[in-house]
Structures are given as C-alpha cells and as structure tokens.
Amino acid sequence: AANPPAEGGPGGCLLVNTALELSPHDPDVRDFVNHSLAAVETFFRDGVARAQADGSVAANLDKGALAKSLLGLFLGLRVLQRGDYHRAALTAVVRHAEALLPAP
C-alpha cells in the first residue's frame, strides 16, 4: 500500500492475474494457482507461528484462520492496487491486517 505501482507500470502480481484470468479456463493452471496460493497461505501461517513463539503476536490466536485472512487481504490489496483504487482504501486494508495480529 505504501508503494503503489508507478504510472503506467504493472499493477498486479502474476499469480493474481493468472488466478483471475486463466484459472477458470484451464485445469492445469487452476492446479498451479491453487498450489501457489496454498504456499502463500503456508508462508503467512509460518510467520504467525514464529511471531507467536517470540511473543510478538498473541499465542491464543488461530494461526490457520489468520493465515487464510491474511491471504485474502493480501490478494484483495493486490487487486485494489491493480485497479489504482484510492490510497485510503489500501491503507485501510493494511491497518485491518495489522489489527488481526495484536500483541499480547
């Protein structure tokens, strides 16, 4: 959200573009997209687990549910950036993601 795409530059990541445009039409692409999204979700779940272990995020939070929420917010943020949506909306998405990860 802090670094929107440059004027005339690409506004979405390849994975989001592929998920939106090709995945519905090609089973092999859909499998690739699903596998890739699962990897991003795992990245978020592992990050939450590390933050819980070091005490920077509350330990009682469900890391699996948080990972899914963060994945959805991340993908939504990428789509909003691609559409050049107003900065206040992008900032609100980021703030909401931060609110999901309260410190103990």
PDB file of N, CA and C in Angstrom:
ATOM      1  N   ALA A   1       0.829  -1.199   0.000  1.00  0.00           N
ATOM      2  CA  ALA A   1       0.000   0.000   0.000  1.00  0.00           C
ATOM      3  C   ALA A   1       0.863   1.249   0.000  1.00  0.00           C
ATOM      4  N   ALA A   2       2.041   1.169   0.593  1.00  0.00           N
ATOM      5  CA  ALA A   2       2.923   2.331   0.650  1.00  0.00           C
ATOM      6  C   ALA A   2       3.603   2.594  -0.686  1.00  0.00           C
ATOM      7  N   ASN A   3       3.695   1.579  -1.521  1.00  0.00           N
ATOM      8  CA  ASN A   3       4.382   1.737  -2.807  1.00  0.00           C
ATOM      9  C   ASN A   3       3.470   1.303  -3.952  1.00  0.00           C
ATOM     10  N   PRO A   4       2.495   2.128  -4.307  1.00  0.00           N
ATOM     11  CA  PRO A   4       1.613   1.758  -5.411  1.00  0.00           C
ATOM     12  C   PRO A   4       2.393   1.684  -6.719  1.00  0.00           C
ATOM     13  N   PRO A   5       1.835   0.996  -7.725  1.00  0.00           N
ATOM     14  CA  PRO A   5       2.556   0.885  -8.987  1.00  0.00           C
ATOM     15  C   PRO A   5       2.832   2.254  -9.601  1.00  0.00           C
ATOM     16  N   ALA A   6       3.964   2.350 -10.256  1.00  0.00           N
ATOM     17  CA  ALA A   6       4.324   3.595 -10.937  1.00  0.00           C
ATOM     18  C   ALA A   6       3.349   3.852 -12.079  1.00  0.00           C
ATOM     19  N   GLU A   7       3.220   5.092 -12.427  1.00  0.00           N
ATOM     20  CA  GLU A   7       2.354   5.480 -13.549  1.00  0.00           C
ATOM     21  C   GLU A   7       2.711   4.634 -14.771  1.00  0.00           C
ATOM     22  N   GLY A   8       1.717   3.922 -15.285  1.00  0.00           N
ATOM     23  CA  GLY A   8       1.932   3.084 -16.459  1.00  0.00           C
ATOM     24  C   GLY A   8       2.583   1.748 -16.161  1.00  0.00           C
ATOM     25  N   GLY A   9       2.943   1.506 -14.897  1.00  0.00           N
ATOM     26  CA  GLY A   9       3.601   0.259 -14.534  1.00  0.00           C
ATOM     27  C   GLY A   9       2.597  -0.836 -14.237  1.00  0.00           C
ATOM     28  N   PRO A  10       3.079  -2.069 -14.079  1.00  0.00           N
ATOM     29  CA  PRO A  10       2.176  -3.181 -13.770  1.00  0.00           C
ATOM     30  C   PRO A  10       1.563  -2.997 -12.395  1.00  0.00           C
ATOM     31  N   GLY A  11       0.302  -3.359 -12.260  1.00  0.00           N
ATOM     32  CA  GLY A  11      -0.386  -3.119 -11.013  1.00  0.00           C
ATOM     33  C   GLY A  11      -0.842  -4.366 -10.296  1.00  0.00           C
ATOM     34  N   GLY A  12      -0.487  -5.532 -10.757  1.00  0.00           N
ATOM     35  CA  GLY A  12      -0.909  -6.753 -10.080  1.00  0.00           C
ATOM     36  C   GLY A  12       0.160  -7.800 -10.242  1.00  0.00           C
ATOM     37  N   CYS A  13       0.170  -8.752  -9.354  1.00  0.00           N
ATOM     38  CA  CYS A  13       1.199  -9.777  -9.460  1.00  0.00           C
ATOM     39  C   CYS A  13       0.750 -10.861 -10.437  1.00  0.00           C
ATOM     40  N   LEU A  14       1.706 -11.600 -10.940  1.00  0.00           N
ATOM     41  CA  LEU A  14       1.437 -12.635 -11.926  1.00  0.00           C
ATOM     42  C   LEU A  14       0.464 -13.674 -11.374  1.00  0.00           C
ATOM     43  N   LEU A  15       0.600 -14.039 -10.126  1.00  0.00           N
ATOM     44  CA  LEU A  15      -0.284 -15.050  -9.548  1.00  0.00           C
ATOM     45  C   LEU A  15      -1.726 -14.567  -9.524  1.00  0.00           C
ATOM     46  N   VAL A  16      -1.957 -13.331  -9.103  1.00  0.00           N
ATOM     47  CA  VAL A  16      -3.317 -12.786  -9.061  1.00  0.00           C
ATOM     48  C   VAL A  16      -3.884 -12.710 -10.473  1.00  0.00           C
ATOM     49  N   ASN A  17      -3.095 -12.203 -11.404  1.00  0.00           N
ATOM     50  CA  ASN A  17      -3.568 -12.111 -12.792  1.00  0.00           C
ATOM     51  C   ASN A  17      -3.918 -13.487 -13.344  1.00  0.00           C
ATOM     52  N   THR A  18      -3.077 -14.460 -13.085  1.00  0.00           N
ATOM     53  CA  THR A  18      -3.319 -15.814 -13.573  1.00  0.00           C
ATOM     54  C   THR A  18      -4.558 -16.414 -12.926  1.00  0.00           C
ATOM     55  N   ALA A  19      -4.713 -16.208 -11.626  1.00  0.00           N
ATOM     56  CA  ALA A  19      -5.892 -16.732 -10.928  1.00  0.00           C
ATOM     57  C   ALA A  19      -7.178 -16.147 -11.494  1.00  0.00           C
ATOM     58  N   LEU A  20      -7.158 -14.865 -11.773  1.00  0.00           N
ATOM     59  CA  LEU A  20      -8.362 -14.203 -12.253  1.00  0.00           C
ATOM     60  C   LEU A  20      -8.665 -14.503 -13.714  1.00  0.00           C
ATOM     61  N   GLU A  21      -7.636 -14.563 -14.537  1.00  0.00           N
ATOM     62  CA  GLU A  21      -7.864 -14.610 -15.975  1.00  0.00           C
ATOM     63  C   GLU A  21      -7.766 -16.002 -16.592  1.00  0.00           C
ATOM     64  N   LEU A  22      -6.905 -16.859 -16.088  1.00  0.00           N
ATOM     65  CA  LEU A  22      -6.679 -18.149 -16.737  1.00  0.00           C
ATOM     66  C   LEU A  22      -7.197 -19.344 -15.948  1.00  0.00           C
ATOM     67  N   SER A  23      -7.143 -19.254 -14.640  1.00  0.00           N
ATOM     68  CA  SER A  23      -7.515 -20.385 -13.791  1.00  0.00           C
ATOM     69  C   SER A  23      -8.909 -20.948 -14.077  1.00  0.00           C
ATOM     70  N   PRO A  24      -9.908 -20.106 -14.328  1.00  0.00           N
ATOM     71  CA  PRO A  24     -11.241 -20.652 -14.581  1.00  0.00           C
ATOM     72  C   PRO A  24     -11.345 -21.471 -15.875  1.00  0.00           C
ATOM     73  N   HIS A  25     -10.366 -21.337 -16.768  1.00  0.00           N
ATOM     74  CA  HIS A  25     -10.470 -21.939 -18.091  1.00  0.00           C
ATOM     75  C   HIS A  25      -9.530 -23.116 -18.336  1.00  0.00           C
ATOM     76  N   ASP A  26      -8.616 -23.365 -17.409  1.00  0.00           N
ATOM     77  CA  ASP A  26      -7.604 -24.394 -17.644  1.00  0.00           C
ATOM     78  C   ASP A  26      -7.321 -25.136 -16.337  1.00  0.00           C
ATOM     79  N   PRO A  27      -7.653 -26.430 -16.290  1.00  0.00           N
ATOM     80  CA  PRO A  27      -7.457 -27.193 -15.041  1.00  0.00           C
ATOM     81  C   PRO A  27      -6.000 -27.243 -14.573  1.00  0.00           C
ATOM     82  N   ASP A  28      -5.053 -27.303 -15.511  1.00  0.00           N
ATOM     83  CA  ASP A  28      -3.641 -27.342 -15.108  1.00  0.00           C
ATOM     84  C   ASP A  28      -3.229 -26.012 -14.477  1.00  0.00           C
ATOM     85  N   VAL A  29      -3.679 -24.924 -15.061  1.00  0.00           N
ATOM     86  CA  VAL A  29      -3.383 -23.605 -14.500  1.00  0.00           C
ATOM     87  C   VAL A  29      -4.063 -23.470 -13.144  1.00  0.00           C
ATOM     88  N   ARG A  30      -5.308 -23.927 -13.026  1.00  0.00           N
ATOM     89  CA  ARG A  30      -6.035 -23.862 -11.755  1.00  0.00           C
ATOM     90  C   ARG A  30      -5.273 -24.622 -10.674  1.00  0.00           C
ATOM     91  N   ASP A  31      -4.759 -25.812 -11.014  1.00  0.00           N
ATOM     92  CA  ASP A  31      -3.981 -26.588 -10.035  1.00  0.00           C
ATOM     93  C   ASP A  31      -2.732 -25.827  -9.611  1.00  0.00           C
ATOM     94  N   PHE A  32      -2.040 -25.220 -10.578  1.00  0.00           N
ATOM     95  CA  PHE A  32      -0.852 -24.432 -10.269  1.00  0.00           C
ATOM     96  C   PHE A  32      -1.200 -23.259  -9.352  1.00  0.00           C
ATOM     97  N   VAL A  33      -2.271 -22.546  -9.683  1.00  0.00           N
ATOM     98  CA  VAL A  33      -2.695 -21.399  -8.873  1.00  0.00           C
ATOM     99  C   VAL A  33      -3.053 -21.851  -7.467  1.00  0.00           C
ATOM    100  N   ASN A  34      -3.831 -22.935  -7.346  1.00  0.00           N
ATOM    101  CA  ASN A  34      -4.214 -23.425  -6.020  1.00  0.00           C
ATOM    102  C   ASN A  34      -3.001 -23.829  -5.192  1.00  0.00           C
ATOM    103  N   HIS A  35      -2.057 -24.492  -5.832  1.00  0.00           N
ATOM    104  CA  HIS A  35      -0.817 -24.886  -5.138  1.00  0.00           C
ATOM    105  C   HIS A  35      -0.038 -23.640  -4.691  1.00  0.00           C
ATOM    106  N   SER A  36       0.035 -22.655  -5.557  1.00  0.00           N
ATOM    107  CA  SER A  36       0.762 -21.427  -5.243  1.00  0.00           C
ATOM    108  C   SER A  36       0.086 -20.643  -4.124  1.00  0.00           C
ATOM    109  N   LEU A  37      -1.232 -20.553  -4.167  1.00  0.00           N
ATOM    110  CA  LEU A  37      -1.956 -19.857  -3.095  1.00  0.00           C
ATOM    111  C   LEU A  37      -1.784 -20.585  -1.770  1.00  0.00           C
ATOM    112  N   ALA A  38      -1.776 -21.923  -1.813  1.00  0.00           N
ATOM    113  CA  ALA A  38      -1.543 -22.696  -0.587  1.00  0.00           C
ATOM    114  C   ALA A  38      -0.152 -22.405  -0.030  1.00  0.00           C
ATOM    115  N   ALA A  39       0.829 -22.218  -0.910  1.00  0.00           N
ATOM    116  CA  ALA A  39       2.190 -21.894  -0.458  1.00  0.00           C
ATOM    117  C   ALA A  39       2.228 -20.518   0.205  1.00  0.00           C
ATOM    118  N   VAL A  40       1.507 -19.551  -0.352  1.00  0.00           N
ATOM    119  CA  VAL A  40       1.457 -18.222   0.267  1.00  0.00           C
ATOM    120  C   VAL A  40       0.759 -18.307   1.624  1.00  0.00           C
ATOM    121  N   GLU A  41      -0.315 -19.086   1.694  1.00  0.00           N
ATOM    122  CA  GLU A  41      -1.010 -19.272   2.975  1.00  0.00           C
ATOM    123  C   GLU A  41      -0.075 -19.901   4.010  1.00  0.00           C
ATOM    124  N   THR A  42       0.706 -20.888   3.591  1.00  0.00           N
ATOM    125  CA  THR A  42       1.682 -21.518   4.488  1.00  0.00           C
ATOM    126  C   THR A  42       2.712 -20.501   4.961  1.00  0.00           C
ATOM    127  N   PHE A  43       3.162 -19.634   4.063  1.00  0.00           N
ATOM    128  CA  PHE A  43       4.087 -18.564   4.428  1.00  0.00           C
ATOM    129  C   PHE A  43       3.498 -17.715   5.558  1.00  0.00           C
ATOM    130  N   PHE A  44       2.233 -17.311   5.410  1.00  0.00           N
ATOM    131  CA  PHE A  44       1.597 -16.500   6.450  1.00  0.00           C
ATOM    132  C   PHE A  44       1.436 -17.297   7.751  1.00  0.00           C
ATOM    133  N   ARG A  45       1.012 -18.563   7.652  1.00  0.00           N
ATOM    134  CA  ARG A  45       0.817 -19.382   8.862  1.00  0.00           C
ATOM    135  C   ARG A  45       2.142 -19.558   9.603  1.00  0.00           C
ATOM    136  N   ASP A  46       3.218 -19.822   8.861  1.00  0.00           N
ATOM    137  CA  ASP A  46       4.532 -19.986   9.489  1.00  0.00           C
ATOM    138  C   ASP A  46       4.993 -18.677  10.131  1.00  0.00           C
ATOM    139  N   GLY A  47       4.725 -17.558   9.478  1.00  0.00           N
ATOM    140  CA  GLY A  47       5.088 -16.255  10.045  1.00  0.00           C
ATOM    141  C   GLY A  47       4.334 -15.957  11.327  1.00  0.00           C
ATOM    142  N   VAL A  48       3.046 -16.296  11.340  1.00  0.00           N
ATOM    143  CA  VAL A  48       2.252 -16.099  12.559  1.00  0.00           C
ATOM    144  C   VAL A  48       2.781 -17.009  13.664  1.00  0.00           C
ATOM    145  N   ALA A  49       3.098 -18.254  13.323  1.00  0.00           N
ATOM    146  CA  ALA A  49       3.634 -19.182  14.330  1.00  0.00           C
ATOM    147  C   ALA A  49       4.934 -18.653  14.924  1.00  0.00           C
ATOM    148  N   ARG A  50       5.827 -18.128  14.081  1.00  0.00           N
ATOM    149  CA  ARG A  50       7.087 -17.557  14.597  1.00  0.00           C
ATOM    150  C   ARG A  50       6.806 -16.356  15.498  1.00  0.00           C
ATOM    151  N   ALA A  51       5.883 -15.515  15.088  1.00  0.00           N
ATOM    152  CA  ALA A  51       5.547 -14.333  15.896  1.00  0.00           C
ATOM    153  C   ALA A  51       4.912 -14.741  17.223  1.00  0.00           C
ATOM    154  N   GLN A  52       4.116 -15.797  17.205  1.00  0.00           N
ATOM    155  CA  GLN A  52       3.553 -16.291  18.464  1.00  0.00           C
ATOM    156  C   GLN A  52       4.651 -16.865  19.351  1.00  0.00           C
ATOM    157  N   ALA A  53       5.591 -17.576  18.760  1.00  0.00           N
ATOM    158  CA  ALA A  53       6.681 -18.181  19.528  1.00  0.00           C
ATOM    159  C   ALA A  53       7.579 -17.133  20.173  1.00  0.00           C
ATOM    160  N   ASP A  54       7.796 -16.011  19.477  1.00  0.00           N
ATOM    161  CA  ASP A  54       8.660 -14.979  20.062  1.00  0.00           C
ATOM    162  C   ASP A  54       7.880 -13.959  20.894  1.00  0.00           C
ATOM    163  N   GLY A  55       6.572 -14.163  21.006  1.00  0.00           N
ATOM    164  CA  GLY A  55       5.759 -13.321  21.868  1.00  0.00           C
ATOM    165  C   GLY A  55       5.286 -12.016  21.251  1.00  0.00           C
ATOM    166  N   SER A  56       5.539 -11.789  19.959  1.00  0.00           N
ATOM    167  CA  SER A  56       5.116 -10.526  19.357  1.00  0.00           C
ATOM    168  C   SER A  56       3.668 -10.542  18.874  1.00  0.00           C
ATOM    169  N   VAL A  57       3.053 -11.737  18.829  1.00  0.00           N
ATOM    170  CA  VAL A  57       1.629 -11.879  18.498  1.00  0.00           C
ATOM    171  C   VAL A  57       1.006 -12.809  19.532  1.00  0.00           C
ATOM    172  N   ALA A  58      -0.199 -12.491  19.938  1.00  0.00           N
ATOM    173  CA  ALA A  58      -0.898 -13.277  20.958  1.00  0.00           C
ATOM    174  C   ALA A  58      -0.935 -14.759  20.589  1.00  0.00           C
ATOM    175  N   ALA A  59      -0.591 -15.606  21.543  1.00  0.00           N
ATOM    176  CA  ALA A  59      -0.495 -17.049  21.313  1.00  0.00           C
ATOM    177  C   ALA A  59      -1.853 -17.721  21.172  1.00  0.00           C
ATOM    178  N   ASN A  60      -2.922 -17.088  21.642  1.00  0.00           N
ATOM    179  CA  ASN A  60      -4.237 -17.734  21.616  1.00  0.00           C
ATOM    180  C   ASN A  60      -4.953 -17.593  20.271  1.00  0.00           C
ATOM    181  N   LEU A  61      -4.333 -16.925  19.309  1.00  0.00           N
ATOM    182  CA  LEU A  61      -4.960 -16.740  18.007  1.00  0.00           C
ATOM    183  C   LEU A  61      -4.788 -17.987  17.140  1.00  0.00           C
ATOM    184  N   ASP A  62      -5.787 -18.299  16.344  1.00  0.00           N
ATOM    185  CA  ASP A  62      -5.755 -19.448  15.439  1.00  0.00           C
ATOM    186  C   ASP A  62      -4.900 -19.102  14.218  1.00  0.00           C
ATOM    187  N   LYS A  63      -3.689 -19.669  14.169  1.00  0.00           N
ATOM    188  CA  LYS A  63      -2.767 -19.298  13.093  1.00  0.00           C
ATOM    189  C   LYS A  63      -3.269 -19.728  11.719  1.00  0.00           C
ATOM    190  N   GLY A  64      -4.028 -20.805  11.632  1.00  0.00           N
ATOM    191  CA  GLY A  64      -4.583 -21.228  10.350  1.00  0.00           C
ATOM    192  C   GLY A  64      -5.625 -20.253   9.832  1.00  0.00           C
ATOM    193  N   ALA A  65      -6.525 -19.820  10.709  1.00  0.00           N
ATOM    194  CA  ALA A  65      -7.550 -18.842  10.315  1.00  0.00           C
ATOM    195  C   ALA A  65      -6.913 -17.495   9.986  1.00  0.00           C
ATOM    196  N   LEU A  66      -5.918 -17.108  10.767  1.00  0.00           N
ATOM    197  CA  LEU A  66      -5.207 -15.858  10.481  1.00  0.00           C
ATOM    198  C   LEU A  66      -4.515 -15.915   9.123  1.00  0.00           C
ATOM    199  N   ALA A  67      -3.893 -17.040   8.809  1.00  0.00           N
ATOM    200  CA  ALA A  67      -3.206 -17.183   7.533  1.00  0.00           C
ATOM    201  C   ALA A  67      -4.190 -17.038   6.374  1.00  0.00           C
ATOM    202  N   LYS A  68      -5.366 -17.631   6.501  1.00  0.00           N
ATOM    203  CA  LYS A  68      -6.384 -17.504   5.459  1.00  0.00           C
ATOM    204  C   LYS A  68      -6.856 -16.053   5.330  1.00  0.00           C
ATOM    205  N   SER A  69      -7.048 -15.390   6.447  1.00  0.00           N
ATOM    206  CA  SER A  69      -7.470 -13.986   6.418  1.00  0.00           C
ATOM    207  C   SER A  69      -6.402 -13.100   5.801  1.00  0.00           C
ATOM    208  N   LEU A  70      -5.154 -13.329   6.177  1.00  0.00           N
ATOM    209  CA  LEU A  70      -4.065 -12.531   5.622  1.00  0.00           C
ATOM    210  C   LEU A  70      -3.903 -12.782   4.121  1.00  0.00           C
ATOM    211  N   LEU A  71      -4.088 -14.020   3.696  1.00  0.00           N
ATOM    212  CA  LEU A  71      -4.035 -14.331   2.269  1.00  0.00           C
ATOM    213  C   LEU A  71      -5.120 -13.557   1.523  1.00  0.00           C
ATOM    214  N   GLY A  72      -6.341 -13.573   2.054  1.00  0.00           N
ATOM    215  CA  GLY A  72      -7.434 -12.839   1.415  1.00  0.00           C
ATOM    216  C   GLY A  72      -7.179 -11.343   1.363  1.00  0.00           C
ATOM    217  N   LEU A  73      -6.667 -10.802   2.453  1.00  0.00           N
ATOM    218  CA  LEU A  73      -6.356  -9.370   2.469  1.00  0.00           C
ATOM    219  C   LEU A  73      -5.219  -9.033   1.499  1.00  0.00           C
ATOM    220  N   PHE A  74      -4.218  -9.881   1.454  1.00  0.00           N
ATOM    221  CA  PHE A  74      -3.099  -9.669   0.533  1.00  0.00           C
ATOM    222  C   PHE A  74      -3.579  -9.682  -0.923  1.00  0.00           C
ATOM    223  N   LEU A  75      -4.385 -10.688  -1.268  1.00  0.00           N
ATOM    224  CA  LEU A  75      -4.886 -10.775  -2.644  1.00  0.00           C
ATOM    225  C   LEU A  75      -5.799  -9.601  -2.969  1.00  0.00           C
ATOM    226  N   GLY A  76      -6.648  -9.234  -2.018  1.00  0.00           N
ATOM    227  CA  GLY A  76      -7.511  -8.079  -2.231  1.00  0.00           C
ATOM    228  C   GLY A  76      -6.716  -6.806  -2.419  1.00  0.00           C
ATOM    229  N   LEU A  77      -5.669  -6.659  -1.646  1.00  0.00           N
ATOM    230  CA  LEU A  77      -4.798  -5.486  -1.766  1.00  0.00           C
ATOM    231  C   LEU A  77      -4.157  -5.427  -3.157  1.00  0.00           C
ATOM    232  N   ARG A  78      -3.695  -6.559  -3.648  1.00  0.00           N
ATOM    233  CA  ARG A  78      -3.085  -6.604  -4.977  1.00  0.00           C
ATOM    234  C   ARG A  78      -4.106  -6.229  -6.056  1.00  0.00           C
ATOM    235  N   VAL A  79      -5.333  -6.704  -5.916  1.00  0.00           N
ATOM    236  CA  VAL A  79      -6.369  -6.371  -6.896  1.00  0.00           C
ATOM    237  C   VAL A  79      -6.700  -4.883  -6.825  1.00  0.00           C
ATOM    238  N   LEU A  80      -6.839  -4.347  -5.619  1.00  0.00           N
ATOM    239  CA  LEU A  80      -7.132  -2.919  -5.476  1.00  0.00           C
ATOM    240  C   LEU A  80      -6.004  -2.068  -6.043  1.00  0.00           C
ATOM    241  N   GLN A  81      -4.763  -2.475  -5.823  1.00  0.00           N
ATOM    242  CA  GLN A  81      -3.632  -1.740  -6.387  1.00  0.00           C
ATOM    243  C   GLN A  81      -3.668  -1.780  -7.907  1.00  0.00           C
ATOM    244  N   ARG A  82      -4.017  -2.907  -8.443  1.00  0.00           N
ATOM    245  CA  ARG A  82      -4.068  -3.042  -9.898  1.00  0.00           C
ATOM    246  C   ARG A  82      -5.089  -2.080 -10.488  1.00  0.00           C
ATOM    247  N   GLY A  83      -6.197  -1.928  -9.811  1.00  0.00           N
ATOM    248  CA  GLY A  83      -7.229  -1.028 -10.292  1.00  0.00           C
ATOM    249  C   GLY A  83      -6.971   0.418  -9.933  1.00  0.00           C
ATOM    250  N   ASP A  84      -5.821   0.701  -9.307  1.00  0.00           N
ATOM    251  CA  ASP A  84      -5.467   2.059  -8.913  1.00  0.00           C
ATOM    252  C   ASP A  84      -6.515   2.663  -7.986  1.00  0.00           C
ATOM    253  N   TYR A  85      -7.018   1.842  -7.070  1.00  0.00           N
ATOM    254  CA  TYR A  85      -8.008   2.287  -6.105  1.00  0.00           C
ATOM    255  C   TYR A  85      -7.374   3.321  -5.180  1.00  0.00           C
ATOM    256  N   HIS A  86      -8.176   4.160  -4.569  1.00  0.00           N
ATOM    257  CA  HIS A  86      -7.616   5.258  -3.783  1.00  0.00           C
ATOM    258  C   HIS A  86      -6.812   4.775  -2.586  1.00  0.00           C
ATOM    259  N   ARG A  87      -5.770   5.535  -2.277  1.00  0.00           N
ATOM    260  CA  ARG A  87      -4.804   5.174  -1.243  1.00  0.00           C
ATOM    261  C   ARG A  87      -5.450   4.930   0.123  1.00  0.00           C
ATOM    262  N   ALA A  88      -6.489   5.671   0.466  1.00  0.00           N
ATOM    263  CA  ALA A  88      -7.129   5.488   1.774  1.00  0.00           C
ATOM    264  C   ALA A  88      -7.670   4.064   1.917  1.00  0.00           C
ATOM    265  N   ALA A  89      -8.193   3.503   0.845  1.00  0.00           N
ATOM    266  CA  ALA A  89      -8.705   2.127   0.904  1.00  0.00           C
ATOM    267  C   ALA A  89      -7.558   1.136   1.088  1.00  0.00           C
ATOM    268  N   LEU A  90      -6.456   1.359   0.385  1.00  0.00           N
ATOM    269  CA  LEU A  90      -5.307   0.465   0.526  1.00  0.00           C
ATOM    270  C   LEU A  90      -4.756   0.515   1.945  1.00  0.00           C
ATOM    271  N   THR A  91      -4.675   1.717   2.483  1.00  0.00           N
ATOM    272  CA  THR A  91      -4.189   1.878   3.854  1.00  0.00           C
ATOM    273  C   THR A  91      -5.132   1.198   4.844  1.00  0.00           C
ATOM    274  N   ALA A  92      -6.435   1.283   4.609  1.00  0.00           N
ATOM    275  CA  ALA A  92      -7.409   0.636   5.499  1.00  0.00           C
ATOM    276  C   ALA A  92      -7.226  -0.876   5.491  1.00  0.00           C
ATOM    277  N   VAL A  93      -6.950  -1.464   4.337  1.00  0.00           N
ATOM    278  CA  VAL A  93      -6.723  -2.909   4.256  1.00  0.00           C
ATOM    279  C   VAL A  93      -5.485  -3.287   5.069  1.00  0.00           C
ATOM    280  N   VAL A  94      -4.423  -2.512   4.935  1.00  0.00           N
ATOM    281  CA  VAL A  94      -3.200  -2.791   5.685  1.00  0.00           C
ATOM    282  C   VAL A  94      -3.444  -2.655   7.186  1.00  0.00           C
ATOM    283  N   ARG A  95      -4.146  -1.633   7.596  1.00  0.00           N
ATOM    284  CA  ARG A  95      -4.442  -1.427   9.027  1.00  0.00           C
ATOM    285  C   ARG A  95      -5.276  -2.586   9.581  1.00  0.00           C
ATOM    286  N   HIS A  96      -6.207  -3.079   8.781  1.00  0.00           N
ATOM    287  CA  HIS A  96      -7.025  -4.206   9.224  1.00  0.00           C
ATOM    288  C   HIS A  96      -6.155  -5.454   9.401  1.00  0.00           C
ATOM    289  N   ALA A  97      -5.236  -5.672   8.481  1.00  0.00           N
ATOM    290  CA  ALA A  97      -4.325  -6.816   8.604  1.00  0.00           C
ATOM    291  C   ALA A  97      -3.510  -6.695   9.890  1.00  0.00           C
ATOM    292  N   GLU A  98      -3.035  -5.491  10.173  1.00  0.00           N
ATOM    293  CA  GLU A  98      -2.273  -5.279  11.416  1.00  0.00           C
ATOM    294  C   GLU A  98      -3.133  -5.532  12.649  1.00  0.00           C
ATOM    295  N   ALA A  99      -4.393  -5.167  12.579  1.00  0.00           N
ATOM    296  CA  ALA A  99      -5.297  -5.363  13.720  1.00  0.00           C
ATOM    297  C   ALA A  99      -5.575  -6.839  13.991  1.00  0.00           C
ATOM    298  N   LEU A 100      -5.434  -7.667  12.978  1.00  0.00           N
ATOM    299  CA  LEU A 100      -5.638  -9.100  13.163  1.00  0.00           C
ATOM    300  C   LEU A 100      -4.526  -9.745  13.989  1.00  0.00           C
ATOM    301  N   LEU A 101      -3.417  -9.024  14.147  1.00  0.00           N
ATOM    302  CA  LEU A 101      -2.238  -9.575  14.806  1.00  0.00           C
ATOM    303  C   LEU A 101      -1.887  -8.787  16.064  1.00  0.00           C
ATOM    304  N   PRO A 102      -2.780  -8.789  17.051  1.00  0.00           N
ATOM    305  CA  PRO A 102      -2.499  -7.996  18.238  1.00  0.00           C
ATOM    306  C   PRO A 102      -1.344  -8.562  19.068  1.00  0.00           C
ATOM    307  N   ALA A 103      -0.592  -7.673  19.639  1.00  0.00           N
ATOM    308  CA  ALA A 103       0.464  -8.091  20.555  1.00  0.00           C
ATOM    309  C   ALA A 103      -0.186  -8.543  21.858  1.00  0.00           C
ATOM    310  N   PRO A 104       0.459  -9.451  22.558  1.00  0.00           N
ATOM    311  CA  PRO A 104      -0.115  -9.931  23.832  1.00  0.00           C
ATOM    312  C   PRO A 104      -0.154  -8.840  24.891  1.00  0.00           C
TER     313      PRO A 104
END
